Amino acid sequence: MNDNFNNGWGLDLQFPLQDRTPDKPRNDGITMILDKGLGLRETADLLEMSARYIDFWKLSFGSSALYNPRILADKIKLVCQFDVQIYPGGTFTEIAFSQGKLSAYFQRAKALGFSAVEISDGTIQISPWQRSQMIKTARDLNLPVITEIGKKEAGEIFVADAMAEQVNRDLEDGAFKVILEARESGRNVTIFNDRGNIEREKLNKFLLAVSRQENLIWEAPLKKQQVEFVTMFGPNVNLGNIAPEEVIALESLRTGLRADTFKLSLIEHEADFISNRR
């Protein structure tokens, strides 16, 4: 990262964590926010403040169906003007699929100007073959596809090998990113226990079977999850389900401008100092 990447103070200070990818479009270090109904003025304010740090903007669940048509069109246009990819939540895709209107849904998403679509099976049952066909249908319309794995039901058993197999299949079918479900709560779902802590055994088993880990987006709505992912994978880990008001706070974690990750740079510097003295 540039030493003075958006340094609003104009001081010759380096960010403690130096490896953050600064420029978009990014393939790693992605931040996806979850928008549950921001108005146009709130959207404009957030983009003015934070657009450089936002990659994907998800209109949560099926909420975009409730927008005034003019506001929806204006919001999509506004977000895209700031080089942020906007897309509707996967639950809306599941609803369209369950009503036999998937093709029309994809066509309308493209006509409205959405940057991508999300394909998930968090609520309904979709066979692997059906999921593959859904991805291919969207891709035939030149719609980029983000998929999501994991059920939304609390306490649903997470089978690491099966989930990894689905990730690999989705990527082979043409998805460009795969999200691991955490919901808004970040608790008692997929790799997270009822306190929102990452179950490392599940995580490790899952990662061992995923062929292209750089294409994963980890939903991490809780600060402690964000800290743990940055600590494990570095500042360019892909993170999702970030609350709009937490974008700058997350970027502070990524760059070491927050105590939780600033101390990581101190550990690195101490190790370098000891090594240089030998």
C-alpha atoms as a PDB file:
ATOM      1  CA  MET A   1       0.000   0.000   0.000  1.00  0.00           C
ATOM      2  CA  ASN A   2       1.140   3.554  -0.653  1.00  0.00           C
ATOM      3  CA  ASP A   3       2.608   4.996   2.541  1.00  0.00           C
ATOM      4  CA  ASN A   4       0.153   7.889   2.425  1.00  0.00           C
ATOM      5  CA  PHE A   5      -2.876   6.044   1.046  1.00  0.00           C
ATOM      6  CA  ASN A   6      -5.696   8.551   1.644  1.00  0.00           C
ATOM      7  CA  ASN A   7      -3.770  10.057   4.536  1.00  0.00           C
ATOM      8  CA  GLY A   8      -6.153  12.870   5.429  1.00  0.00           C
ATOM      9  CA  TRP A   9      -3.624  14.387   7.827  1.00  0.00           C
ATOM     10  CA  GLY A  10      -1.008  15.000   5.148  1.00  0.00           C
ATOM     11  CA  LEU A  11       1.691  13.564   7.418  1.00  0.00           C
ATOM     12  CA  ASP A  12       4.546  11.319   6.343  1.00  0.00           C
ATOM     13  CA  LEU A  13       3.234   8.400   8.392  1.00  0.00           C
ATOM     14  CA  GLN A  14       3.126   4.804   7.252  1.00  0.00           C
ATOM     15  CA  PHE A  15       0.175   2.584   8.008  1.00  0.00           C
ATOM     16  CA  PRO A  16       1.263  -0.069  10.526  1.00  0.00           C
ATOM     17  CA  LEU A  17       0.029  -2.901   8.270  1.00  0.00           C
ATOM     18  CA  GLN A  18       1.577  -2.197   4.874  1.00  0.00           C
ATOM     19  CA  ASP A  19       0.181  -4.895   2.594  1.00  0.00           C
ATOM     20  CA  ARG A  20      -3.356  -3.601   2.014  1.00  0.00           C
ATOM     21  CA  THR A  21      -4.384  -3.628  -1.672  1.00  0.00           C
ATOM     22  CA  PRO A  22      -5.269   0.035  -2.361  1.00  0.00           C
ATOM     23  CA  ASP A  23      -6.776   0.154  -5.821  1.00  0.00           C
ATOM     24  CA  LYS A  24     -10.004  -1.174  -7.287  1.00  0.00           C
ATOM     25  CA  PRO A  25     -11.046  -3.409  -8.851  1.00  0.00           C
ATOM     26  CA  ARG A  26      -9.608  -5.691  -6.172  1.00  0.00           C
ATOM     27  CA  ASN A  27      -9.523  -9.464  -6.383  1.00  0.00           C
ATOM     28  CA  ASP A  28      -8.591  -9.727  -2.729  1.00  0.00           C
ATOM     29  CA  GLY A  29      -9.143  -7.553   0.295  1.00  0.00           C
ATOM     30  CA  ILE A  30     -12.793  -7.266  -0.712  1.00  0.00           C
ATOM     31  CA  THR A  31     -15.282  -5.581   1.610  1.00  0.00           C
ATOM     32  CA  MET A  32     -18.959  -6.361   1.066  1.00  0.00           C
ATOM     33  CA  ILE A  33     -21.519  -4.301   2.958  1.00  0.00           C
ATOM     34  CA  LEU A  34     -25.061  -5.325   3.870  1.00  0.00           C
ATOM     35  CA  ASP A  35     -27.605  -2.599   3.122  1.00  0.00           C
ATOM     36  CA  LYS A  36     -30.967  -3.125   4.819  1.00  0.00           C
ATOM     37  CA  GLY A  37     -32.582   0.009   3.444  1.00  0.00           C
ATOM     38  CA  LEU A  38     -30.346   3.069   3.295  1.00  0.00           C
ATOM     39  CA  GLY A  39     -31.973   6.100   1.703  1.00  0.00           C
ATOM     40  CA  LEU A  40     -30.413   7.944  -1.214  1.00  0.00           C
ATOM     41  CA  ARG A  41     -28.902  10.676   0.951  1.00  0.00           C
ATOM     42  CA  GLU A  42     -27.463   8.123   3.383  1.00  0.00           C
ATOM     43  CA  THR A  43     -26.112   6.177   0.413  1.00  0.00           C
ATOM     44  CA  ALA A  44     -24.490   9.285  -1.059  1.00  0.00           C
ATOM     45  CA  ASP A  45     -22.918  10.189   2.294  1.00  0.00           C
ATOM     46  CA  LEU A  46     -21.539   6.682   2.775  1.00  0.00           C
ATOM     47  CA  LEU A  47     -20.111   6.579  -0.741  1.00  0.00           C
ATOM     48  CA  GLU A  48     -18.522  10.013  -0.389  1.00  0.00           C
ATOM     49  CA  MET A  49     -16.872   8.891   2.843  1.00  0.00           C
ATOM     50  CA  SER A  50     -16.045   5.245   2.153  1.00  0.00           C
ATOM     51  CA  ALA A  51     -16.450   4.218  -1.507  1.00  0.00           C
ATOM     52  CA  ARG A  52     -12.733   3.537  -1.901  1.00  0.00           C
ATOM     53  CA  TYR A  53     -13.008   0.848   0.773  1.00  0.00           C
ATOM     54  CA  ILE A  54     -16.220  -0.822  -0.473  1.00  0.00           C
ATOM     55  CA  ASP A  55     -16.190  -3.400  -3.259  1.00  0.00           C
ATOM     56  CA  PHE A  56     -19.617  -5.092  -3.097  1.00  0.00           C
ATOM     57  CA  TRP A  57     -22.903  -3.545  -1.968  1.00  0.00           C
ATOM     58  CA  LYS A  58     -25.607  -6.090  -1.191  1.00  0.00           C
ATOM     59  CA  LEU A  59     -29.252  -5.032  -0.962  1.00  0.00           C
ATOM     60  CA  SER A  60     -30.166  -7.504   1.750  1.00  0.00           C
ATOM     61  CA  PHE A  61     -32.555 -10.442   1.281  1.00  0.00           C
ATOM     62  CA  GLY A  62     -35.495  -9.393  -0.939  1.00  0.00           C
ATOM     63  CA  SER A  63     -35.581  -5.827   0.379  1.00  0.00           C
ATOM     64  CA  SER A  64     -35.039  -4.233  -3.040  1.00  0.00           C
ATOM     65  CA  ALA A  65     -38.548  -5.387  -4.056  1.00  0.00           C
ATOM     66  CA  LEU A  66     -39.928  -2.846  -1.570  1.00  0.00           C
ATOM     67  CA  TYR A  67     -38.112   0.148  -3.046  1.00  0.00           C
ATOM     68  CA  ASN A  68     -39.904   2.843  -4.969  1.00  0.00           C
ATOM     69  CA  PRO A  69     -38.905   2.122  -8.616  1.00  0.00           C
ATOM     70  CA  ARG A  70     -37.327   5.543  -9.081  1.00  0.00           C
ATOM     71  CA  ILE A  71     -35.340   5.253  -5.863  1.00  0.00           C
ATOM     72  CA  LEU A  72     -34.116   1.764  -6.779  1.00  0.00           C
ATOM     73  CA  ALA A  73     -32.949   2.962 -10.206  1.00  0.00           C
ATOM     74  CA  ASP A  74     -31.280   6.042  -8.728  1.00  0.00           C
ATOM     75  CA  LYS A  75     -29.587   4.016  -6.003  1.00  0.00           C
ATOM     76  CA  ILE A  76     -28.153   1.451  -8.414  1.00  0.00           C
ATOM     77  CA  LYS A  77     -26.852   4.238 -10.661  1.00  0.00           C
ATOM     78  CA  LEU A  78     -25.357   6.145  -7.732  1.00  0.00           C
ATOM     79  CA  VAL A  79     -23.515   3.151  -6.283  1.00  0.00           C
ATOM     80  CA  CYS A  80     -22.121   2.173  -9.688  1.00  0.00           C
ATOM     81  CA  GLN A  81     -20.870   5.731 -10.267  1.00  0.00           C
ATOM     82  CA  PHE A  82     -18.532   5.207  -7.302  1.00  0.00           C
ATOM     83  CA  ASP A  83     -17.030   2.025  -8.773  1.00  0.00           C
ATOM     84  CA  VAL A  84     -18.856  -0.242  -6.315  1.00  0.00           C
ATOM     85  CA  GLN A  85     -20.613  -3.410  -7.485  1.00  0.00           C
ATOM     86  CA  ILE A  86     -24.231  -3.616  -6.314  1.00  0.00           C
ATOM     87  CA  TYR A  87     -26.418  -6.706  -6.277  1.00  0.00           C
ATOM     88  CA  PRO A  88     -29.629  -8.055  -4.683  1.00  0.00           C
ATOM     89  CA  GLY A  89     -29.537 -10.625  -1.886  1.00  0.00           C
ATOM     90  CA  GLY A  90     -29.648 -14.352  -2.552  1.00  0.00           C
ATOM     91  CA  THR A  91     -32.965 -14.839  -0.761  1.00  0.00           C
ATOM     92  CA  PHE A  92     -34.634 -12.884  -3.574  1.00  0.00           C
ATOM     93  CA  THR A  93     -33.077 -15.299  -6.078  1.00  0.00           C
ATOM     94  CA  GLU A  94     -34.441 -18.230  -4.072  1.00  0.00           C
ATOM     95  CA  ILE A  95     -37.931 -16.683  -4.125  1.00  0.00           C
ATOM     96  CA  ALA A  96     -37.796 -16.208  -7.911  1.00  0.00           C
ATOM     97  CA  PHE A  97     -36.554 -19.788  -8.362  1.00  0.00           C
ATOM     98  CA  SER A  98     -39.280 -21.231  -6.128  1.00  0.00           C
ATOM     99  CA  GLN A  99     -41.936 -19.428  -8.198  1.00  0.00           C
ATOM    100  CA  GLY A 100     -40.505 -20.558 -11.542  1.00  0.00           C
ATOM    101  CA  LYS A 101     -39.422 -17.050 -12.558  1.00  0.00           C
ATOM    102  CA  LEU A 102     -35.645 -17.293 -12.341  1.00  0.00           C
ATOM    103  CA  SER A 103     -34.899 -16.375 -15.955  1.00  0.00           C
ATOM    104  CA  ALA A 104     -37.185 -13.331 -15.806  1.00  0.00           C
ATOM    105  CA  TYR A 105     -35.570 -12.325 -12.508  1.00  0.00           C
ATOM    106  CA  PHE A 106     -32.065 -12.457 -13.974  1.00  0.00           C
ATOM    107  CA  GLN A 107     -33.153 -10.538 -17.063  1.00  0.00           C
ATOM    108  CA  ARG A 108     -34.773  -7.849 -14.920  1.00  0.00           C
ATOM    109  CA  ALA A 109     -31.695  -7.611 -12.672  1.00  0.00           C
ATOM    110  CA  LYS A 110     -29.584  -6.981 -15.750  1.00  0.00           C
ATOM    111  CA  ALA A 111     -32.047  -4.419 -17.136  1.00  0.00           C
ATOM    112  CA  LEU A 112     -32.082  -2.546 -13.815  1.00  0.00           C
ATOM    113  CA  GLY A 113     -28.317  -2.225 -13.956  1.00  0.00           C
ATOM    114  CA  PHE A 114     -27.293  -4.534 -11.125  1.00  0.00           C
ATOM    115  CA  SER A 115     -23.605  -5.439 -11.289  1.00  0.00           C
ATOM    116  CA  ALA A 116     -24.100  -9.096 -10.325  1.00  0.00           C
ATOM    117  CA  VAL A 117     -26.550 -11.589  -8.846  1.00  0.00           C
ATOM    118  CA  GLU A 118     -26.241 -13.853  -5.839  1.00  0.00           C
ATOM    119  CA  ILE A 119     -27.239 -17.526  -5.929  1.00  0.00           C
ATOM    120  CA  SER A 120     -27.834 -19.293  -2.630  1.00  0.00           C
ATOM    121  CA  ASP A 121     -29.825 -22.078  -1.029  1.00  0.00           C
ATOM    122  CA  GLY A 122     -29.935 -20.762   2.514  1.00  0.00           C
ATOM    123  CA  THR A 123     -33.682 -21.285   2.896  1.00  0.00           C
ATOM    124  CA  ILE A 124     -34.829 -23.697   0.179  1.00  0.00           C
ATOM    125  CA  GLN A 125     -33.432 -26.958  -1.147  1.00  0.00           C
ATOM    126  CA  ILE A 126     -31.672 -26.700  -4.509  1.00  0.00           C
ATOM    127  CA  SER A 127     -29.935 -29.710  -6.015  1.00  0.00           C
ATOM    128  CA  PRO A 128     -26.307 -29.402  -7.188  1.00  0.00           C
ATOM    129  CA  TRP A 129     -27.489 -29.784 -10.797  1.00  0.00           C
ATOM    130  CA  GLN A 130     -30.103 -27.026 -10.381  1.00  0.00           C
ATOM    131  CA  ARG A 131     -27.523 -24.751  -8.772  1.00  0.00           C
ATOM    132  CA  SER A 132     -25.126 -25.310 -11.657  1.00  0.00           C
ATOM    133  CA  GLN A 133     -27.873 -24.493 -14.148  1.00  0.00           C
ATOM    134  CA  MET A 134     -28.751 -21.303 -12.240  1.00  0.00           C
ATOM    135  CA  ILE A 135     -25.146 -20.127 -12.417  1.00  0.00           C
ATOM    136  CA  LYS A 136     -24.930 -20.925 -16.118  1.00  0.00           C
ATOM    137  CA  THR A 137     -28.241 -19.178 -16.851  1.00  0.00           C
ATOM    138  CA  ALA A 138     -26.973 -15.973 -15.245  1.00  0.00           C
ATOM    139  CA  ARG A 139     -23.612 -16.230 -16.982  1.00  0.00           C
ATOM    140  CA  ASP A 140     -25.343 -16.685 -20.351  1.00  0.00           C
ATOM    141  CA  LEU A 141     -26.827 -13.228 -19.723  1.00  0.00           C
ATOM    142  CA  ASN A 142     -23.334 -11.879 -18.958  1.00  0.00           C
ATOM    143  CA  LEU A 143     -24.306 -11.419 -15.323  1.00  0.00           C
ATOM    144  CA  PRO A 144     -21.427 -12.011 -12.901  1.00  0.00           C
ATOM    145  CA  VAL A 145     -22.403 -14.522 -10.204  1.00  0.00           C
ATOM    146  CA  ILE A 146     -21.616 -14.550  -6.508  1.00  0.00           C
ATOM    147  CA  THR A 147     -22.754 -17.699  -4.723  1.00  0.00           C
ATOM    148  CA  GLU A 148     -23.341 -18.330  -1.056  1.00  0.00           C
ATOM    149  CA  ILE A 149     -22.979 -21.578   0.876  1.00  0.00           C
ATOM    150  CA  GLY A 150     -24.466 -22.545   4.225  1.00  0.00           C
ATOM    151  CA  LYS A 151     -27.974 -22.661   5.614  1.00  0.00           C
ATOM    152  CA  LYS A 152     -29.572 -19.766   7.479  1.00  0.00           C
ATOM    153  CA  GLU A 153     -31.167 -22.040  10.074  1.00  0.00           C
ATOM    154  CA  ALA A 154     -29.385 -21.680  13.426  1.00  0.00           C
ATOM    155  CA  GLY A 155     -27.565 -24.818  14.495  1.00  0.00           C
ATOM    156  CA  GLU A 156     -27.576 -26.389  11.021  1.00  0.00           C
ATOM    157  CA  ILE A 157     -24.748 -28.922  10.855  1.00  0.00           C
ATOM    158  CA  PHE A 158     -21.782 -27.671   8.823  1.00  0.00           C
ATOM    159  CA  VAL A 159     -20.264 -30.527   6.838  1.00  0.00           C
ATOM    160  CA  ALA A 160     -16.873 -29.160   5.826  1.00  0.00           C
ATOM    161  CA  ASP A 161     -16.117 -31.569   2.981  1.00  0.00           C
ATOM    162  CA  ALA A 162     -19.555 -31.122   1.396  1.00  0.00           C
ATOM    163  CA  MET A 163     -19.369 -27.324   1.683  1.00  0.00           C
ATOM    164  CA  ALA A 164     -15.893 -27.279   0.142  1.00  0.00           C
ATOM    165  CA  GLU A 165     -17.089 -29.479  -2.703  1.00  0.00           C
ATOM    166  CA  GLN A 166     -19.898 -26.985  -3.370  1.00  0.00           C
ATOM    167  CA  VAL A 167     -17.417 -24.089  -3.408  1.00  0.00           C
ATOM    168  CA  ASN A 168     -15.213 -25.878  -5.925  1.00  0.00           C
ATOM    169  CA  ARG A 169     -18.205 -26.754  -8.115  1.00  0.00           C
ATOM    170  CA  ASP A 170     -19.556 -23.185  -8.041  1.00  0.00           C
ATOM    171  CA  LEU A 171     -16.207 -21.772  -9.134  1.00  0.00           C
ATOM    172  CA  GLU A 172     -15.920 -24.331 -11.920  1.00  0.00           C
ATOM    173  CA  ASP A 173     -19.428 -23.391 -13.084  1.00  0.00           C
ATOM    174  CA  GLY A 174     -18.446 -19.729 -13.391  1.00  0.00           C
ATOM    175  CA  ALA A 175     -19.057 -18.033 -10.041  1.00  0.00           C
ATOM    176  CA  PHE A 176     -16.327 -15.481  -9.373  1.00  0.00           C
ATOM    177  CA  LYS A 177     -16.695 -15.379  -5.573  1.00  0.00           C
ATOM    178  CA  VAL A 178     -18.295 -17.676  -2.993  1.00  0.00           C
ATOM    179  CA  ILE A 179     -19.602 -16.346   0.320  1.00  0.00           C
ATOM    180  CA  LEU A 180     -19.637 -18.379   3.532  1.00  0.00           C
ATOM    181  CA  GLU A 181     -22.888 -17.697   5.390  1.00  0.00           C
ATOM    182  CA  ALA A 182     -22.827 -16.018   8.807  1.00  0.00           C
ATOM    183  CA  ARG A 183     -26.132 -14.123   8.729  1.00  0.00           C
ATOM    184  CA  GLU A 184     -26.405 -10.767  10.494  1.00  0.00           C
ATOM    185  CA  SER A 185     -25.820 -12.278  13.918  1.00  0.00           C
ATOM    186  CA  GLY A 186     -22.601 -14.163  13.146  1.00  0.00           C
ATOM    187  CA  ARG A 187     -23.591 -16.765  15.718  1.00  0.00           C
ATOM    188  CA  ASN A 188     -24.484 -20.467  15.675  1.00  0.00           C
ATOM    189  CA  VAL A 189     -24.098 -20.802  11.910  1.00  0.00           C
ATOM    190  CA  THR A 190     -21.567 -22.568   9.618  1.00  0.00           C
ATOM    191  CA  ILE A 191     -18.111 -22.232  11.237  1.00  0.00           C
ATOM    192  CA  PHE A 192     -19.273 -19.963  14.081  1.00  0.00           C
ATOM    193  CA  ASN A 193     -20.436 -21.195  17.492  1.00  0.00           C
ATOM    194  CA  ASP A 194     -23.211 -19.673  19.584  1.00  0.00           C
ATOM    195  CA  ARG A 195     -20.815 -17.008  20.904  1.00  0.00           C
ATOM    196  CA  GLY A 196     -19.721 -16.008  17.422  1.00  0.00           C
ATOM    197  CA  ASN A 197     -16.286 -17.582  17.769  1.00  0.00           C
ATOM    198  CA  ILE A 198     -14.685 -19.385  14.833  1.00  0.00           C
ATOM    199  CA  GLU A 199     -14.472 -23.138  15.313  1.00  0.00           C
ATOM    200  CA  ARG A 200     -10.940 -23.693  14.044  1.00  0.00           C
ATOM    201  CA  GLU A 201     -11.302 -27.425  13.463  1.00  0.00           C
ATOM    202  CA  LYS A 202     -14.238 -26.851  11.105  1.00  0.00           C
ATOM    203  CA  LEU A 203     -12.428 -23.989   9.410  1.00  0.00           C
ATOM    204  CA  ASN A 204      -9.223 -25.932   8.849  1.00  0.00           C
ATOM    205  CA  LYS A 205     -11.010 -28.987   7.497  1.00  0.00           C
ATOM    206  CA  PHE A 206     -12.997 -26.783   5.129  1.00  0.00           C
ATOM    207  CA  LEU A 207      -9.932 -24.905   3.864  1.00  0.00           C
ATOM    208  CA  LEU A 208      -7.982 -28.082   3.200  1.00  0.00           C
ATOM    209  CA  ALA A 209     -10.646 -29.128   0.682  1.00  0.00           C
ATOM    210  CA  VAL A 210     -11.146 -25.747  -1.071  1.00  0.00           C
ATOM    211  CA  SER A 211      -9.087 -25.453  -4.234  1.00  0.00           C
ATOM    212  CA  ARG A 212      -9.128 -21.638  -4.665  1.00  0.00           C
ATOM    213  CA  GLN A 213      -9.282 -20.053  -1.232  1.00  0.00           C
ATOM    214  CA  GLU A 214      -8.683 -16.563  -2.628  1.00  0.00           C
ATOM    215  CA  ASN A 215     -12.210 -16.669  -4.082  1.00  0.00           C
ATOM    216  CA  LEU A 216     -13.875 -17.038  -0.682  1.00  0.00           C
ATOM    217  CA  ILE A 217     -15.666 -14.176   1.052  1.00  0.00           C
ATOM    218  CA  TRP A 218     -16.086 -14.698   4.787  1.00  0.00           C
ATOM    219  CA  GLU A 219     -19.188 -13.119   6.253  1.00  0.00           C
ATOM    220  CA  ALA A 220     -17.991 -11.509   9.474  1.00  0.00           C
ATOM    221  CA  PRO A 221     -20.545  -9.137  10.965  1.00  0.00           C
ATOM    222  CA  LEU A 222     -18.896  -9.084  14.410  1.00  0.00           C
ATOM    223  CA  LYS A 223     -15.770  -7.074  15.149  1.00  0.00           C
ATOM    224  CA  LYS A 224     -14.025  -9.985  16.874  1.00  0.00           C
ATOM    225  CA  GLN A 225     -14.562 -12.097  13.738  1.00  0.00           C
ATOM    226  CA  GLN A 226     -13.055  -9.378  11.557  1.00  0.00           C
ATOM    227  CA  VAL A 227     -10.041  -9.148  13.869  1.00  0.00           C
ATOM    228  CA  GLU A 228      -9.565 -12.913  13.825  1.00  0.00           C
ATOM    229  CA  PHE A 229      -9.775 -13.166  10.035  1.00  0.00           C
ATOM    230  CA  VAL A 230      -7.304 -10.288   9.537  1.00  0.00           C
ATOM    231  CA  THR A 231      -4.994 -11.907  12.095  1.00  0.00           C
ATOM    232  CA  MET A 232      -5.196 -15.312  10.377  1.00  0.00           C
ATOM    233  CA  PHE A 233      -5.149 -14.284   6.719  1.00  0.00           C
ATOM    234  CA  GLY A 234      -3.776 -10.740   6.661  1.00  0.00           C
ATOM    235  CA  PRO A 235      -5.254  -7.367   5.664  1.00  0.00           C
ATOM    236  CA  ASN A 236      -6.387  -8.592   2.237  1.00  0.00           C
ATOM    237  CA  VAL A 237      -8.832 -11.213   3.462  1.00  0.00           C
ATOM    238  CA  ASN A 238     -12.265 -10.950   1.777  1.00  0.00           C
ATOM    239  CA  LEU A 239     -14.962 -10.002   4.308  1.00  0.00           C
ATOM    240  CA  GLY A 240     -18.726  -9.598   3.965  1.00  0.00           C
ATOM    241  CA  ASN A 241     -21.898  -8.663   5.829  1.00  0.00           C
ATOM    242  CA  ILE A 242     -20.201  -5.539   7.095  1.00  0.00           C
ATOM    243  CA  ALA A 243     -22.586  -2.931   8.486  1.00  0.00           C
ATOM    244  CA  PRO A 244     -22.413   0.305   6.455  1.00  0.00           C
ATOM    245  CA  GLU A 245     -21.400   2.318   9.499  1.00  0.00           C
ATOM    246  CA  GLU A 246     -18.496  -0.091  10.158  1.00  0.00           C
ATOM    247  CA  VAL A 247     -16.655   0.316   6.828  1.00  0.00           C
ATOM    248  CA  ILE A 248     -14.082   2.814   8.101  1.00  0.00           C
ATOM    249  CA  ALA A 249     -13.646   0.812  11.313  1.00  0.00           C
ATOM    250  CA  LEU A 250     -12.920  -2.332   9.268  1.00  0.00           C
ATOM    251  CA  GLU A 251     -10.478  -0.479   7.024  1.00  0.00           C
ATOM    252  CA  SER A 252      -8.749   0.695  10.196  1.00  0.00           C
ATOM    253  CA  LEU A 253      -8.347  -2.959  11.181  1.00  0.00           C
ATOM    254  CA  ARG A 254      -6.972  -3.823   7.744  1.00  0.00           C
ATOM    255  CA  THR A 255      -4.335  -1.071   7.892  1.00  0.00           C
ATOM    256  CA  GLY A 256      -3.353  -1.407  11.561  1.00  0.00           C
ATOM    257  CA  LEU A 257      -4.987   1.863  12.591  1.00  0.00           C
ATOM    258  CA  ARG A 258      -6.888   0.138  15.389  1.00  0.00           C
ATOM    259  CA  ALA A 259      -5.332  -1.353  18.514  1.00  0.00           C
ATOM    260  CA  ASP A 260      -6.502  -4.892  17.721  1.00  0.00           C
ATOM    261  CA  THR A 261      -4.322  -5.074  14.599  1.00  0.00           C
ATOM    262  CA  PHE A 262      -1.774  -2.336  15.339  1.00  0.00           C
ATOM    263  CA  LYS A 263      -0.273  -4.786  17.831  1.00  0.00           C
ATOM    264  CA  LEU A 264       0.276  -7.265  14.976  1.00  0.00           C
ATOM    265  CA  SER A 265       2.678  -4.803  13.365  1.00  0.00           C
ATOM    266  CA  LEU A 266       4.489  -4.382  16.683  1.00  0.00           C
ATOM    267  CA  ILE A 267       5.004  -8.142  16.872  1.00  0.00           C
ATOM    268  CA  GLU A 268       6.390  -8.114  13.314  1.00  0.00           C
ATOM    269  CA  HIS A 269       8.738  -5.215  14.083  1.00  0.00           C
ATOM    270  CA  GLU A 270       9.946  -6.889  17.267  1.00  0.00           C
ATOM    271  CA  ALA A 271      10.670 -10.092  15.343  1.00  0.00           C
ATOM    272  CA  ASP A 272      12.584  -8.111  12.686  1.00  0.00           C
ATOM    273  CA  PHE A 273      14.554  -6.298  15.379  1.00  0.00           C
ATOM    274  CA  ILE A 274      15.563  -9.546  17.081  1.00  0.00           C
ATOM    275  CA  SER A 275      16.479 -11.114  13.738  1.00  0.00           C
ATOM    276  CA  ASN A 276      18.660  -8.140  12.760  1.00  0.00           C
ATOM    277  CA  ARG A 277      20.564  -8.264  16.052  1.00  0.00           C
ATOM    278  CA  ARG A 278      21.623 -11.870  15.506  1.00  0.00           C
END
